[in-house]
Amino acid sequence: MTNHIEPTEEYDGRIRVKLLDDHAETRAIPCSSYTEAITLVKEHQHEVTTAKIIDREQEVVFSSADMDIDVWESIWKNEKRRLSVNVEDRDCPYDNISCFFDDLCVQCKMDKLQDELDC
């Protein structure tokens, strides 16, 4: 029995890394995961003009012209972790579906602050 199983993140190859170079042909490399795409960008980013990660919907989710890959990777990991956390349901009095116990909507934040000031 395995004590610790790493979660897998596999894709169908529709995630791509595009390596654009002013002096050579553009290369598109299919990847099986974002982790693989990040590794490829890190390996090739200094060899090309721009490195991009393209998602399944053909949207550019990363461009080395706009951001450092280490910063983007950190943000991506934080978002992935945040999405994987089970969030306790909360009945917002303003029916805001984006209102959570640890991330209140603006109206609930104002109410909480007002309650604290009234005490």
Protein backbone atom coordinates (compact mmCIF):
# COMPACT_ATOMS: atom_id res chain seq x y z
CA MET A 1 0.00 0.00 0.00
CA THR A 2 1.28 3.44 -0.91
CA ASN A 3 1.65 5.94 1.91
CA HIS A 4 1.50 9.02 -0.27
CA ILE A 5 0.01 9.13 -3.74
CA GLU A 6 0.74 12.17 -5.86
CA PRO A 7 -2.33 13.47 -7.69
CA THR A 8 -2.00 13.14 -11.42
CA GLU A 9 -2.82 15.76 -13.96
CA GLU A 10 -3.01 14.35 -17.44
CA TYR A 11 -4.31 15.97 -20.59
CA ASP A 12 -4.91 14.84 -24.13
CA GLY A 13 -2.04 16.73 -25.73
CA ARG A 14 -4.08 19.76 -26.60
CA ILE A 15 -1.98 21.90 -24.26
CA ARG A 16 0.87 23.25 -26.35
CA VAL A 17 4.02 25.23 -25.90
CA LYS A 18 4.73 27.61 -28.77
CA LEU A 19 8.31 28.73 -29.20
CA LEU A 20 8.47 31.84 -31.36
CA ASP A 21 11.81 32.97 -32.69
CA ASP A 22 12.49 35.98 -34.90
CA HIS A 23 15.27 34.10 -36.69
CA ALA A 24 13.78 30.61 -36.94
CA GLU A 25 10.52 28.82 -37.54
CA THR A 26 7.84 28.80 -34.83
CA ARG A 27 7.60 25.45 -33.06
CA ALA A 28 4.47 24.06 -31.38
CA ILE A 29 5.10 21.23 -28.93
CA PRO A 30 2.12 19.22 -27.58
CA CYS A 31 2.20 18.55 -23.82
CA SER A 32 0.41 16.06 -21.63
CA SER A 33 0.20 18.42 -18.63
CA TYR A 34 0.79 21.98 -17.50
CA THR A 35 3.76 20.71 -15.50
CA GLU A 36 5.34 19.43 -18.71
CA ALA A 37 4.56 22.72 -20.46
CA ILE A 38 6.16 24.74 -17.65
CA THR A 39 9.29 22.56 -17.82
CA LEU A 40 9.52 23.06 -21.59
CA VAL A 41 9.19 26.83 -21.27
CA LYS A 42 11.91 26.91 -18.62
CA GLU A 43 14.22 24.85 -20.84
CA HIS A 44 13.73 26.96 -23.98
CA GLN A 45 12.75 30.48 -22.87
CA HIS A 46 16.25 31.92 -23.30
CA GLU A 47 16.70 30.38 -26.75
CA VAL A 48 13.66 32.03 -28.34
CA THR A 49 12.06 35.45 -28.64
CA THR A 50 8.85 34.40 -26.88
CA ALA A 51 7.58 31.18 -25.31
CA LYS A 52 3.84 30.68 -24.86
CA ILE A 53 1.58 28.10 -23.23
CA ILE A 54 -1.67 27.53 -25.13
CA ASP A 55 -4.57 25.81 -23.33
CA ARG A 56 -7.19 23.40 -24.66
CA GLU A 57 -9.43 26.26 -25.83
CA GLN A 58 -6.53 27.69 -27.87
CA GLU A 59 -6.15 30.59 -25.42
CA VAL A 60 -2.70 31.90 -24.51
CA VAL A 61 -2.45 31.37 -20.74
CA PHE A 62 1.23 32.32 -20.49
CA SER A 63 3.58 34.44 -22.57
CA SER A 64 7.20 35.04 -21.62
CA ALA A 65 6.85 38.50 -23.15
CA ASP A 66 4.38 39.42 -20.39
CA MET A 67 5.56 37.49 -17.32
CA ASP A 68 8.35 35.41 -15.86
CA ILE A 69 7.58 31.67 -15.93
CA ASP A 70 8.52 31.23 -12.25
CA VAL A 71 5.97 33.88 -11.23
CA TRP A 72 3.28 32.33 -13.45
CA GLU A 73 4.04 28.84 -12.11
CA SER A 74 3.66 30.09 -8.54
CA ILE A 75 0.30 31.70 -9.35
CA TRP A 76 -0.84 28.57 -11.21
CA LYS A 77 0.08 26.32 -8.26
CA ASN A 78 -1.73 28.60 -5.80
CA GLU A 79 -4.87 28.65 -7.95
CA LYS A 80 -4.75 24.89 -8.41
CA ARG A 81 -4.40 24.43 -4.64
CA ARG A 82 -7.20 26.90 -3.95
CA LEU A 83 -9.56 25.13 -6.34
CA SER A 84 -8.83 21.75 -4.79
CA VAL A 85 -9.74 22.84 -1.27
CA ASN A 86 -13.21 21.94 -0.12
CA VAL A 87 -15.02 25.17 0.64
CA GLU A 88 -17.80 25.12 3.19
CA ASP A 89 -21.12 26.33 1.80
CA ARG A 90 -22.32 29.70 3.01
CA ASP A 91 -25.75 31.26 2.65
CA CYS A 92 -25.01 34.82 1.69
CA PRO A 93 -27.80 37.20 2.72
CA TYR A 94 -27.23 39.00 -0.59
CA ASP A 95 -27.42 35.78 -2.66
CA ASN A 96 -23.88 36.28 -3.94
CA ILE A 97 -22.60 32.92 -5.20
CA SER A 98 -19.01 34.10 -4.79
CA CYS A 99 -19.37 34.65 -1.06
CA PHE A 100 -17.49 32.11 1.09
CA PHE A 101 -16.57 31.94 4.78
CA ASP A 102 -12.92 32.65 4.00
CA ASP A 103 -13.61 35.05 1.11
CA LEU A 104 -16.64 37.22 1.77
CA CYS A 105 -18.38 39.33 -0.84
CA VAL A 106 -18.08 43.12 -0.54
CA GLN A 107 -21.49 43.54 1.12
CA CYS A 108 -20.75 40.87 3.75
CA LYS A 109 -17.32 42.38 4.40
CA MET A 110 -19.00 45.75 5.01
CA ASP A 111 -21.54 44.13 7.34
CA LYS A 112 -18.78 42.36 9.27
CA LEU A 113 -16.82 45.58 9.63
CA GLN A 114 -19.94 47.44 10.78
CA ASP A 115 -20.63 44.72 13.37
CA GLU A 116 -17.07 45.00 14.66
CA LEU A 117 -17.37 48.80 14.93
CA ASP A 118 -20.69 48.52 16.78
CA CYS A 119 -19.16 46.32 19.49
